[in-house]
Amino acid sequence: MEGKMRIKAFVVGALGTNCYLVWDEVSKEAMLLDPGYYEIVIDKEIEERGLLLKYIVLTHGHFDHNLGVTDFMKSNKDVKLAANKADLSLLEALIPSVFYFDEDVIKLGELSFRIMETPGHTKGGLCLYIPETDPTFVDQQFSGTVFTGDTLFNLSVGRTDLGAGNFGELKDSIKEKLFSLPDDTLVLPGHMGATTIGIEKEHNPYIK
């Protein structure tokens, strides 16, 4: 049976981090991206929908994307923490059980999310791409969805002045990897609102 992706977004923490609950509607297998703060409403959503949380995935190691990890791991049995090894030093007491690298795949039921290593904001920045969208999440059709963490924002990019960043690497990651995706790919970033690859190619003032 063909998998059906579902997405629910939550804005969490003092810095307004976008935390995404993503699941396969058929198998009910789920992952949580960037839990920057623990919100009981997210656990209630998982419980009420009967989801099996398999992974907590960190797009990078900054605290505003991982402060909720410990509490979510306590309340969800057997969930695995996943990140890129290059950001291990930023995670302090958090120890991932899974490390993802470029072109790896995260499976949720019939759904396959392709990992894209996008260093620049941090050394271990990751984006997740799938050639599907959730018709209940957006009111128009897109060819796919990419979760960009703090690599690419709506008409902006992640900061590179926080000690582990490099603007040249960030720009290359965006131009060579993210901009290789179809223009009508929905971009769901780690902060602020959604955009598309096509809009960012044409209008993002930082990537020229």
N, C-alpha and C. Protein backbone atom coordinates (compact mmCIF):
# COMPACT_ATOMS: atom_id res chain seq x y z
N MET A 1 0.84 -1.20 0.00
CA MET A 1 0.00 0.00 0.00
C MET A 1 0.88 1.24 0.00
N GLU A 2 0.53 2.21 -0.80
CA GLU A 2 1.34 3.41 -0.92
C GLU A 2 1.26 4.24 0.35
N GLY A 3 2.43 4.67 0.83
CA GLY A 3 2.46 5.48 2.03
C GLY A 3 1.90 6.87 1.79
N LYS A 4 1.35 7.46 2.84
CA LYS A 4 0.81 8.81 2.78
C LYS A 4 1.44 9.63 3.89
N MET A 5 2.17 10.67 3.50
CA MET A 5 2.85 11.50 4.48
C MET A 5 1.89 12.49 5.11
N ARG A 6 2.04 12.65 6.41
CA ARG A 6 1.30 13.66 7.15
C ARG A 6 2.29 14.48 7.97
N ILE A 7 2.02 15.77 8.09
CA ILE A 7 2.91 16.70 8.79
C ILE A 7 2.08 17.56 9.73
N LYS A 8 2.59 17.76 10.93
CA LYS A 8 2.02 18.76 11.83
C LYS A 8 3.18 19.59 12.37
N ALA A 9 3.05 20.90 12.29
CA ALA A 9 4.12 21.81 12.73
C ALA A 9 3.75 22.45 14.06
N PHE A 10 4.76 22.59 14.91
CA PHE A 10 4.61 23.25 16.20
C PHE A 10 5.73 24.28 16.35
N VAL A 11 5.42 25.47 16.79
CA VAL A 11 6.44 26.48 17.07
C VAL A 11 6.74 26.41 18.56
N VAL A 12 8.00 26.08 18.89
CA VAL A 12 8.35 25.80 20.29
C VAL A 12 9.54 26.63 20.74
N GLY A 13 9.62 26.86 22.05
CA GLY A 13 10.79 27.50 22.64
C GLY A 13 10.82 29.00 22.45
N ALA A 14 11.74 29.63 23.17
CA ALA A 14 11.86 31.08 23.18
C ALA A 14 12.29 31.65 21.83
N LEU A 15 12.98 30.85 21.02
CA LEU A 15 13.47 31.33 19.73
C LEU A 15 12.55 30.94 18.57
N GLY A 16 11.37 30.42 18.88
CA GLY A 16 10.39 30.13 17.84
C GLY A 16 10.86 29.09 16.84
N THR A 17 11.31 27.94 17.34
CA THR A 17 11.78 26.87 16.46
C THR A 17 10.60 26.09 15.89
N ASN A 18 10.66 25.80 14.61
CA ASN A 18 9.65 24.95 13.99
C ASN A 18 9.99 23.49 14.26
N CYS A 19 9.14 22.82 15.01
CA CYS A 19 9.28 21.40 15.30
C CYS A 19 8.22 20.67 14.48
N TYR A 20 8.66 19.69 13.69
CA TYR A 20 7.74 19.00 12.78
C TYR A 20 7.54 17.55 13.22
N LEU A 21 6.27 17.18 13.39
CA LEU A 21 5.89 15.79 13.59
C LEU A 21 5.48 15.25 12.22
N VAL A 22 6.17 14.21 11.75
CA VAL A 22 5.96 13.68 10.41
C VAL A 22 5.69 12.19 10.52
N TRP A 23 4.67 11.71 9.82
CA TRP A 23 4.36 10.29 9.93
C TRP A 23 3.76 9.73 8.65
N ASP A 24 3.81 8.39 8.58
CA ASP A 24 3.18 7.65 7.50
C ASP A 24 1.78 7.27 7.96
N GLU A 25 0.78 7.74 7.27
CA GLU A 25 -0.61 7.55 7.68
C GLU A 25 -1.01 6.08 7.67
N VAL A 26 -0.32 5.27 6.89
CA VAL A 26 -0.66 3.85 6.80
C VAL A 26 -0.06 3.06 7.97
N SER A 27 1.25 3.16 8.15
CA SER A 27 1.92 2.36 9.19
C SER A 27 1.90 3.04 10.56
N LYS A 28 1.65 4.36 10.59
CA LYS A 28 1.67 5.17 11.80
C LYS A 28 3.08 5.37 12.37
N GLU A 29 4.11 4.99 11.61
CA GLU A 29 5.47 5.26 12.05
C GLU A 29 5.77 6.75 11.87
N ALA A 30 6.47 7.34 12.86
CA ALA A 30 6.63 8.79 12.89
C ALA A 30 8.05 9.19 13.27
N MET A 31 8.38 10.43 12.95
CA MET A 31 9.61 11.04 13.44
C MET A 31 9.31 12.46 13.88
N LEU A 32 10.11 12.97 14.78
CA LEU A 32 9.99 14.33 15.29
C LEU A 32 11.26 15.08 14.94
N LEU A 33 11.11 16.16 14.18
CA LEU A 33 12.27 16.95 13.77
C LEU A 33 12.43 18.17 14.65
N ASP A 34 13.62 18.31 15.22
CA ASP A 34 14.03 19.52 15.94
C ASP A 34 13.11 19.91 17.10
N PRO A 35 12.99 19.04 18.12
CA PRO A 35 12.19 19.41 19.29
C PRO A 35 12.95 20.39 20.18
N GLY A 36 12.84 21.66 19.89
CA GLY A 36 13.59 22.68 20.61
C GLY A 36 13.11 22.94 22.01
N TYR A 37 11.97 22.37 22.35
CA TYR A 37 11.42 22.51 23.70
C TYR A 37 10.36 21.43 23.85
N TYR A 38 10.19 20.92 25.07
CA TYR A 38 9.17 19.90 25.28
C TYR A 38 7.80 20.55 25.40
N GLU A 39 6.87 20.12 24.59
CA GLU A 39 5.49 20.57 24.66
C GLU A 39 4.60 19.34 24.79
N ILE A 40 3.81 19.28 25.85
CA ILE A 40 2.96 18.12 26.08
C ILE A 40 1.94 17.94 24.98
N VAL A 41 1.57 19.04 24.30
CA VAL A 41 0.60 18.94 23.21
C VAL A 41 1.13 18.04 22.09
N ILE A 42 2.45 17.99 21.92
CA ILE A 42 3.03 17.13 20.88
C ILE A 42 2.89 15.66 21.28
N ASP A 43 3.18 15.36 22.54
CA ASP A 43 3.00 13.99 23.01
C ASP A 43 1.53 13.57 22.93
N LYS A 44 0.63 14.50 23.21
CA LYS A 44 -0.80 14.18 23.11
C LYS A 44 -1.18 13.89 21.66
N GLU A 45 -0.59 14.64 20.73
CA GLU A 45 -0.85 14.42 19.31
C GLU A 45 -0.38 13.02 18.90
N ILE A 46 0.79 12.64 19.37
CA ILE A 46 1.34 11.31 19.08
C ILE A 46 0.42 10.23 19.63
N GLU A 47 -0.03 10.41 20.85
CA GLU A 47 -0.88 9.41 21.50
C GLU A 47 -2.25 9.33 20.83
N GLU A 48 -2.87 10.48 20.59
CA GLU A 48 -4.23 10.48 20.04
C GLU A 48 -4.29 9.92 18.63
N ARG A 49 -3.22 10.09 17.87
CA ARG A 49 -3.18 9.56 16.51
C ARG A 49 -2.68 8.11 16.45
N GLY A 50 -2.28 7.59 17.59
CA GLY A 50 -1.78 6.22 17.64
C GLY A 50 -0.47 6.04 16.91
N LEU A 51 0.41 7.04 17.00
CA LEU A 51 1.67 7.00 16.26
C LEU A 51 2.75 6.26 17.04
N LEU A 52 3.65 5.63 16.30
CA LEU A 52 4.85 5.02 16.87
C LEU A 52 6.03 5.93 16.52
N LEU A 53 6.52 6.66 17.51
CA LEU A 53 7.64 7.57 17.27
C LEU A 53 8.93 6.77 17.19
N LYS A 54 9.48 6.65 15.98
CA LYS A 54 10.69 5.87 15.76
C LYS A 54 11.96 6.69 15.93
N TYR A 55 11.92 7.96 15.48
CA TYR A 55 13.13 8.78 15.46
C TYR A 55 12.85 10.19 15.95
N ILE A 56 13.79 10.74 16.67
CA ILE A 56 13.93 12.19 16.84
C ILE A 56 15.12 12.58 16.01
N VAL A 57 14.92 13.43 15.03
CA VAL A 57 15.97 13.80 14.08
C VAL A 57 16.35 15.27 14.31
N LEU A 58 17.63 15.51 14.47
CA LEU A 58 18.14 16.87 14.64
C LEU A 58 18.79 17.33 13.34
N THR A 59 18.30 18.43 12.79
CA THR A 59 18.90 18.95 11.57
C THR A 59 20.27 19.56 11.83
N HIS A 60 20.53 19.93 13.08
CA HIS A 60 21.86 20.38 13.49
C HIS A 60 21.90 20.42 15.01
N GLY A 61 23.05 20.78 15.56
CA GLY A 61 23.26 20.60 16.98
C GLY A 61 22.94 21.75 17.89
N HIS A 62 22.42 22.86 17.42
CA HIS A 62 22.17 24.01 18.29
C HIS A 62 21.05 23.73 19.30
N PHE A 63 21.20 24.33 20.48
CA PHE A 63 20.31 24.03 21.61
C PHE A 63 18.85 24.32 21.32
N ASP A 64 18.57 25.33 20.51
CA ASP A 64 17.17 25.70 20.29
C ASP A 64 16.45 24.69 19.40
N HIS A 65 17.16 23.66 18.96
CA HIS A 65 16.55 22.58 18.20
C HIS A 65 16.56 21.25 18.96
N ASN A 66 17.09 21.24 20.17
CA ASN A 66 17.19 19.95 20.87
C ASN A 66 16.86 19.96 22.36
N LEU A 67 16.42 21.09 22.92
CA LEU A 67 16.19 21.15 24.36
C LEU A 67 15.07 20.21 24.82
N GLY A 68 14.18 19.82 23.91
CA GLY A 68 13.10 18.93 24.30
C GLY A 68 13.41 17.45 24.15
N VAL A 69 14.60 17.13 23.66
CA VAL A 69 14.92 15.74 23.32
C VAL A 69 14.77 14.80 24.52
N THR A 70 15.38 15.14 25.64
CA THR A 70 15.38 14.24 26.80
C THR A 70 13.97 13.90 27.25
N ASP A 71 13.09 14.89 27.32
CA ASP A 71 11.73 14.64 27.78
C ASP A 71 10.94 13.81 26.77
N PHE A 72 11.13 14.06 25.48
CA PHE A 72 10.42 13.26 24.49
C PHE A 72 10.93 11.81 24.48
N MET A 73 12.20 11.62 24.76
CA MET A 73 12.73 10.26 24.81
C MET A 73 12.22 9.51 26.04
N LYS A 74 11.94 10.22 27.11
CA LYS A 74 11.38 9.59 28.30
C LYS A 74 9.94 9.15 28.07
N SER A 75 9.21 9.92 27.29
CA SER A 75 7.78 9.64 27.12
C SER A 75 7.47 8.78 25.90
N ASN A 76 8.48 8.45 25.09
CA ASN A 76 8.28 7.63 23.90
C ASN A 76 9.28 6.48 23.90
N LYS A 77 8.81 5.30 24.22
CA LYS A 77 9.67 4.14 24.39
C LYS A 77 10.35 3.76 23.07
N ASP A 78 11.63 3.44 23.15
CA ASP A 78 12.41 2.91 22.03
C ASP A 78 12.68 3.91 20.90
N VAL A 79 12.38 5.19 21.11
CA VAL A 79 12.69 6.17 20.08
C VAL A 79 14.20 6.34 19.96
N LYS A 80 14.69 6.54 18.75
CA LYS A 80 16.12 6.71 18.51
C LYS A 80 16.42 8.16 18.16
N LEU A 81 17.50 8.68 18.75
CA LEU A 81 17.96 10.03 18.44
C LEU A 81 18.93 9.97 17.28
N ALA A 82 18.68 10.79 16.26
CA ALA A 82 19.50 10.78 15.04
C ALA A 82 20.05 12.17 14.76
N ALA A 83 21.30 12.21 14.31
CA ALA A 83 21.95 13.47 13.97
C ALA A 83 23.12 13.17 13.04
N ASN A 84 23.87 14.21 12.70
CA ASN A 84 25.09 14.04 11.92
C ASN A 84 26.28 14.09 12.88
N LYS A 85 27.23 13.18 12.70
CA LYS A 85 28.35 13.05 13.63
C LYS A 85 29.18 14.32 13.72
N ALA A 86 29.20 15.12 12.67
CA ALA A 86 30.00 16.34 12.67
C ALA A 86 29.52 17.36 13.70
N ASP A 87 28.29 17.21 14.19
CA ASP A 87 27.76 18.12 15.20
C ASP A 87 27.76 17.53 16.60
N LEU A 88 28.44 16.41 16.78
CA LEU A 88 28.43 15.73 18.07
C LEU A 88 28.90 16.63 19.21
N SER A 89 29.89 17.46 18.95
CA SER A 89 30.44 18.31 20.00
C SER A 89 29.45 19.38 20.47
N LEU A 90 28.45 19.69 19.65
CA LEU A 90 27.44 20.69 20.01
C LEU A 90 26.33 20.11 20.87
N LEU A 91 26.22 18.78 20.92
CA LEU A 91 25.07 18.15 21.55
C LEU A 91 25.25 17.93 23.04
N GLU A 92 26.44 18.18 23.57
CA GLU A 92 26.74 18.06 24.99
C GLU A 92 26.34 16.69 25.53
N ALA A 93 25.34 16.61 26.41
CA ALA A 93 25.00 15.34 27.06
C ALA A 93 24.16 14.42 26.17
N LEU A 94 23.66 14.92 25.06
CA LEU A 94 22.84 14.09 24.18
C LEU A 94 23.73 13.16 23.35
N ILE A 95 23.39 11.88 23.36
CA ILE A 95 24.18 10.89 22.62
C ILE A 95 23.28 10.24 21.56
N PRO A 96 23.43 10.60 20.31
CA PRO A 96 22.63 9.95 19.26
C PRO A 96 22.91 8.46 19.16
N SER A 97 21.90 7.71 18.84
CA SER A 97 22.06 6.27 18.59
C SER A 97 22.16 5.98 17.11
N VAL A 98 21.85 6.98 16.29
CA VAL A 98 21.93 6.83 14.84
C VAL A 98 22.61 8.08 14.28
N PHE A 99 23.58 7.88 13.39
CA PHE A 99 24.20 8.99 12.67
C PHE A 99 23.84 8.89 11.20
N TYR A 100 23.39 10.00 10.63
CA TYR A 100 23.04 10.04 9.21
C TYR A 100 24.02 10.88 8.43
N PHE A 101 24.28 10.43 7.19
CA PHE A 101 25.21 11.11 6.31
C PHE A 101 24.55 11.30 4.94
N ASP A 102 25.25 11.98 4.06
CA ASP A 102 24.71 12.33 2.75
C ASP A 102 24.19 11.10 2.01
N GLU A 103 22.99 11.21 1.47
CA GLU A 103 22.33 10.17 0.67
C GLU A 103 21.81 9.00 1.49
N ASP A 104 21.93 9.05 2.82
CA ASP A 104 21.26 8.05 3.65
C ASP A 104 19.75 8.24 3.53
N VAL A 105 19.00 7.23 3.96
CA VAL A 105 17.54 7.28 3.85
C VAL A 105 16.91 6.96 5.20
N ILE A 106 15.93 7.76 5.58
CA ILE A 106 15.11 7.48 6.75
C ILE A 106 13.79 6.90 6.26
N LYS A 107 13.44 5.73 6.78
CA LYS A 107 12.20 5.07 6.37
C LYS A 107 11.15 5.18 7.47
N LEU A 108 9.95 5.61 7.05
CA LEU A 108 8.78 5.56 7.92
C LEU A 108 7.71 4.82 7.12
N GLY A 109 7.48 3.58 7.45
CA GLY A 109 6.56 2.79 6.64
C GLY A 109 7.01 2.77 5.20
N GLU A 110 6.14 3.23 4.29
CA GLU A 110 6.46 3.27 2.87
C GLU A 110 7.13 4.57 2.44
N LEU A 111 7.33 5.49 3.39
CA LEU A 111 7.94 6.78 3.07
C LEU A 111 9.46 6.69 3.17
N SER A 112 10.15 7.36 2.24
CA SER A 112 11.61 7.40 2.24
C SER A 112 12.08 8.84 2.17
N PHE A 113 12.81 9.28 3.17
CA PHE A 113 13.34 10.63 3.24
C PHE A 113 14.84 10.58 2.97
N ARG A 114 15.28 11.33 1.98
CA ARG A 114 16.70 11.34 1.61
C ARG A 114 17.44 12.40 2.41
N ILE A 115 18.53 11.99 3.03
CA ILE A 115 19.37 12.91 3.79
C ILE A 115 20.29 13.69 2.85
N MET A 116 20.36 14.99 3.09
CA MET A 116 21.29 15.86 2.36
C MET A 116 22.17 16.55 3.40
N GLU A 117 23.47 16.29 3.36
CA GLU A 117 24.38 17.01 4.25
C GLU A 117 24.54 18.43 3.72
N THR A 118 24.26 19.42 4.57
CA THR A 118 24.32 20.82 4.15
C THR A 118 25.10 21.64 5.17
N PRO A 119 26.41 21.45 5.25
CA PRO A 119 27.21 22.21 6.21
C PRO A 119 27.21 23.70 5.88
N GLY A 120 27.44 24.49 6.92
CA GLY A 120 27.51 25.94 6.74
C GLY A 120 27.01 26.65 7.97
N HIS A 121 25.77 26.41 8.35
CA HIS A 121 25.25 26.96 9.61
C HIS A 121 25.98 26.28 10.77
N THR A 122 26.12 24.96 10.67
CA THR A 122 27.03 24.17 11.52
C THR A 122 27.72 23.17 10.60
N LYS A 123 28.71 22.50 11.13
CA LYS A 123 29.43 21.51 10.33
C LYS A 123 28.55 20.32 9.95
N GLY A 124 27.62 19.97 10.84
CA GLY A 124 26.81 18.78 10.62
C GLY A 124 25.38 19.04 10.22
N GLY A 125 25.12 20.14 9.54
CA GLY A 125 23.76 20.45 9.12
C GLY A 125 23.19 19.41 8.17
N LEU A 126 21.91 19.07 8.39
CA LEU A 126 21.22 18.10 7.55
C LEU A 126 19.91 18.69 7.03
N CYS A 127 19.51 18.29 5.83
CA CYS A 127 18.18 18.54 5.31
C CYS A 127 17.57 17.19 4.91
N LEU A 128 16.25 17.10 4.93
CA LEU A 128 15.55 15.87 4.59
C LEU A 128 14.59 16.15 3.44
N TYR A 129 14.71 15.36 2.38
CA TYR A 129 13.88 15.57 1.17
C TYR A 129 13.05 14.33 0.87
N ILE A 130 11.81 14.57 0.48
CA ILE A 130 10.94 13.49 0.02
C ILE A 130 10.11 14.01 -1.15
N PRO A 131 9.97 13.24 -2.22
CA PRO A 131 9.20 13.69 -3.38
C PRO A 131 7.70 13.50 -3.18
N GLU A 132 7.21 13.94 -2.04
CA GLU A 132 5.79 13.89 -1.71
C GLU A 132 5.44 15.11 -0.88
N THR A 133 4.15 15.42 -0.82
CA THR A 133 3.66 16.47 0.07
C THR A 133 2.46 15.93 0.83
N ASP A 134 2.09 16.65 1.86
CA ASP A 134 0.91 16.32 2.65
C ASP A 134 -0.23 17.22 2.20
N PRO A 135 -1.24 16.68 1.52
CA PRO A 135 -2.33 17.52 1.02
C PRO A 135 -3.17 18.13 2.13
N THR A 136 -3.05 17.62 3.35
CA THR A 136 -3.79 18.20 4.46
C THR A 136 -3.00 19.33 5.14
N PHE A 137 -1.73 19.47 4.78
CA PHE A 137 -0.88 20.48 5.40
C PHE A 137 -0.81 21.76 4.58
N VAL A 138 -0.86 21.62 3.27
CA VAL A 138 -0.81 22.77 2.36
C VAL A 138 -1.99 22.69 1.40
N ASP A 139 -2.41 23.85 0.90
CA ASP A 139 -3.61 23.89 0.07
C ASP A 139 -3.29 23.98 -1.42
N GLN A 140 -2.06 23.65 -1.80
CA GLN A 140 -1.73 23.57 -3.21
C GLN A 140 -0.75 22.41 -3.42
N GLN A 141 -0.58 22.04 -4.67
CA GLN A 141 0.23 20.88 -4.99
C GLN A 141 1.69 21.24 -5.18
N PHE A 142 2.58 20.47 -4.58
CA PHE A 142 4.01 20.61 -4.77
C PHE A 142 4.58 19.27 -5.19
N SER A 143 5.76 19.29 -5.82
CA SER A 143 6.36 18.03 -6.27
C SER A 143 7.07 17.29 -5.14
N GLY A 144 7.36 17.97 -4.07
CA GLY A 144 8.06 17.35 -2.96
C GLY A 144 8.18 18.30 -1.79
N THR A 145 8.81 17.82 -0.72
CA THR A 145 8.98 18.59 0.51
C THR A 145 10.41 18.44 0.99
N VAL A 146 11.02 19.54 1.42
CA VAL A 146 12.35 19.47 2.01
C VAL A 146 12.33 20.23 3.34
N PHE A 147 12.81 19.55 4.38
CA PHE A 147 12.94 20.14 5.71
C PHE A 147 14.37 20.67 5.81
N THR A 148 14.53 21.98 5.94
CA THR A 148 15.85 22.59 5.77
C THR A 148 16.52 23.03 7.07
N GLY A 149 15.90 22.80 8.22
CA GLY A 149 16.52 23.23 9.46
C GLY A 149 16.89 24.71 9.39
N ASP A 150 18.13 25.03 9.79
CA ASP A 150 18.58 26.43 9.74
C ASP A 150 19.52 26.67 8.56
N THR A 151 19.46 25.83 7.54
CA THR A 151 20.26 26.06 6.34
C THR A 151 19.62 27.13 5.47
N LEU A 152 18.34 26.96 5.16
CA LEU A 152 17.64 27.87 4.26
C LEU A 152 16.31 28.29 4.88
N PHE A 153 16.09 29.61 4.93
CA PHE A 153 14.84 30.17 5.42
C PHE A 153 14.10 30.85 4.28
N ASN A 154 12.92 31.35 4.61
CA ASN A 154 12.14 32.15 3.68
C ASN A 154 12.86 33.48 3.44
N LEU A 155 13.49 33.61 2.26
CA LEU A 155 14.25 34.80 1.86
C LEU A 155 15.40 35.11 2.82
N SER A 156 15.94 34.09 3.44
CA SER A 156 17.07 34.28 4.33
C SER A 156 17.84 32.97 4.44
N VAL A 157 18.89 32.98 5.24
CA VAL A 157 19.71 31.78 5.47
C VAL A 157 20.11 31.75 6.94
N GLY A 158 20.63 30.61 7.37
CA GLY A 158 21.08 30.49 8.74
C GLY A 158 22.33 31.31 9.01
N ARG A 159 22.45 31.77 10.24
CA ARG A 159 23.64 32.53 10.63
C ARG A 159 24.88 31.66 10.57
N THR A 160 25.99 32.29 10.28
CA THR A 160 27.26 31.55 10.23
C THR A 160 28.30 32.15 11.18
N ASP A 161 27.84 32.99 12.12
CA ASP A 161 28.76 33.67 13.04
C ASP A 161 28.66 33.13 14.46
N LEU A 162 28.22 31.88 14.60
CA LEU A 162 27.99 31.32 15.94
C LEU A 162 29.09 30.35 16.37
N GLY A 163 30.22 30.36 15.68
CA GLY A 163 31.36 29.56 16.10
C GLY A 163 31.59 28.30 15.30
N ALA A 164 30.54 27.77 14.68
CA ALA A 164 30.71 26.54 13.90
C ALA A 164 30.23 26.72 12.47
N GLY A 165 30.08 27.98 12.06
CA GLY A 165 29.52 28.26 10.75
C GLY A 165 30.56 28.72 9.74
N ASN A 166 30.17 28.62 8.47
CA ASN A 166 31.02 29.07 7.37
C ASN A 166 30.11 29.47 6.22
N PHE A 167 30.11 30.75 5.87
CA PHE A 167 29.15 31.22 4.88
C PHE A 167 29.42 30.63 3.50
N GLY A 168 30.68 30.45 3.16
CA GLY A 168 31.00 29.84 1.88
C GLY A 168 30.44 28.44 1.76
N GLU A 169 30.60 27.65 2.83
CA GLU A 169 30.05 26.30 2.84
C GLU A 169 28.52 26.33 2.78
N LEU A 170 27.92 27.26 3.51
CA LEU A 170 26.46 27.37 3.52
C LEU A 170 25.93 27.69 2.12
N LYS A 171 26.56 28.64 1.48
CA LYS A 171 26.13 29.04 0.13
C LYS A 171 26.28 27.88 -0.85
N ASP A 172 27.38 27.16 -0.74
CA ASP A 172 27.58 25.99 -1.62
C ASP A 172 26.53 24.92 -1.35
N SER A 173 26.22 24.68 -0.08
CA SER A 173 25.22 23.68 0.26
C SER A 173 23.87 24.02 -0.36
N ILE A 174 23.51 25.28 -0.29
CA ILE A 174 22.22 25.70 -0.82
C ILE A 174 22.20 25.63 -2.34
N LYS A 175 23.24 26.17 -2.98
CA LYS A 175 23.25 26.25 -4.44
C LYS A 175 23.43 24.87 -5.08
N GLU A 176 24.30 24.05 -4.50
CA GLU A 176 24.64 22.77 -5.13
C GLU A 176 23.67 21.65 -4.77
N LYS A 177 23.09 21.71 -3.58
CA LYS A 177 22.22 20.62 -3.15
C LYS A 177 20.74 21.04 -3.14
N LEU A 178 20.40 22.03 -2.34
CA LEU A 178 18.99 22.40 -2.25
C LEU A 178 18.46 22.94 -3.56
N PHE A 179 19.26 23.74 -4.25
CA PHE A 179 18.78 24.32 -5.51
C PHE A 179 18.80 23.32 -6.66
N SER A 180 19.26 22.09 -6.40
CA SER A 180 19.15 21.03 -7.40
C SER A 180 17.77 20.37 -7.37
N LEU A 181 17.00 20.67 -6.34
CA LEU A 181 15.64 20.12 -6.23
C LEU A 181 14.70 20.87 -7.16
N PRO A 182 13.57 20.27 -7.53
CA PRO A 182 12.61 20.96 -8.39
C PRO A 182 12.16 22.29 -7.80
N ASP A 183 11.91 23.27 -8.66
CA ASP A 183 11.50 24.59 -8.20
C ASP A 183 10.24 24.56 -7.35
N ASP A 184 9.34 23.62 -7.64
CA ASP A 184 8.09 23.56 -6.90
C ASP A 184 8.17 22.62 -5.69
N THR A 185 9.35 22.56 -5.09
CA THR A 185 9.54 21.82 -3.84
C THR A 185 9.19 22.73 -2.67
N LEU A 186 8.34 22.25 -1.79
CA LEU A 186 7.97 23.00 -0.59
C LEU A 186 9.13 22.98 0.41
N VAL A 187 9.53 24.14 0.89
CA VAL A 187 10.62 24.27 1.86
C VAL A 187 10.01 24.55 3.24
N LEU A 188 10.29 23.64 4.19
CA LEU A 188 9.83 23.81 5.56
C LEU A 188 11.07 24.04 6.44
N PRO A 189 11.32 25.29 6.81
CA PRO A 189 12.56 25.64 7.52
C PRO A 189 12.44 25.50 9.04
N GLY A 190 13.57 25.69 9.71
CA GLY A 190 13.62 25.58 11.16
C GLY A 190 13.07 26.77 11.90
N HIS A 191 12.90 27.89 11.22
CA HIS A 191 12.30 29.08 11.79
C HIS A 191 11.53 29.79 10.67
N MET A 192 10.56 30.57 11.05
CA MET A 192 9.76 31.37 10.12
C MET A 192 8.89 30.49 9.23
N GLY A 193 8.31 31.12 8.19
CA GLY A 193 7.32 30.43 7.39
C GLY A 193 7.89 29.65 6.23
N ALA A 194 7.00 28.92 5.57
CA ALA A 194 7.39 28.07 4.45
C ALA A 194 7.68 28.90 3.20
N THR A 195 8.37 28.27 2.27
CA THR A 195 8.68 28.90 0.99
C THR A 195 8.83 27.78 -0.04
N THR A 196 9.38 28.08 -1.19
CA THR A 196 9.67 27.05 -2.20
C THR A 196 11.09 27.25 -2.72
N ILE A 197 11.62 26.20 -3.32
CA ILE A 197 12.95 26.29 -3.91
C ILE A 197 12.96 27.35 -5.01
N GLY A 198 11.92 27.40 -5.83
CA GLY A 198 11.87 28.37 -6.92
C GLY A 198 11.90 29.80 -6.42
N ILE A 199 11.14 30.09 -5.37
CA ILE A 199 11.13 31.44 -4.80
C ILE A 199 12.51 31.82 -4.30
N GLU A 200 13.17 30.88 -3.61
CA GLU A 200 14.48 31.18 -3.05
C GLU A 200 15.53 31.35 -4.14
N LYS A 201 15.46 30.57 -5.19
CA LYS A 201 16.39 30.76 -6.31
C LYS A 201 16.28 32.16 -6.89
N GLU A 202 15.08 32.65 -7.00
CA GLU A 202 14.85 33.92 -7.68
C GLU A 202 15.00 35.13 -6.78
N HIS A 203 14.65 34.98 -5.50
CA HIS A 203 14.51 36.16 -4.66
C HIS A 203 15.39 36.20 -3.42
N ASN A 204 16.03 35.09 -3.03
CA ASN A 204 16.81 35.12 -1.79
C ASN A 204 18.04 36.01 -1.98
N PRO A 205 18.14 37.10 -1.21
CA PRO A 205 19.23 38.07 -1.43
C PRO A 205 20.61 37.56 -1.00
N TYR A 206 20.65 36.47 -0.23
CA TYR A 206 21.93 35.95 0.26
C TYR A 206 22.59 34.96 -0.68
N ILE A 207 21.81 34.46 -1.65
CA ILE A 207 22.33 33.42 -2.54
C ILE A 207 22.30 33.93 -3.98
N LYS A 208 23.37 34.54 -4.38
CA LYS A 208 23.47 35.09 -5.74
C LYS A 208 24.75 34.60 -6.41
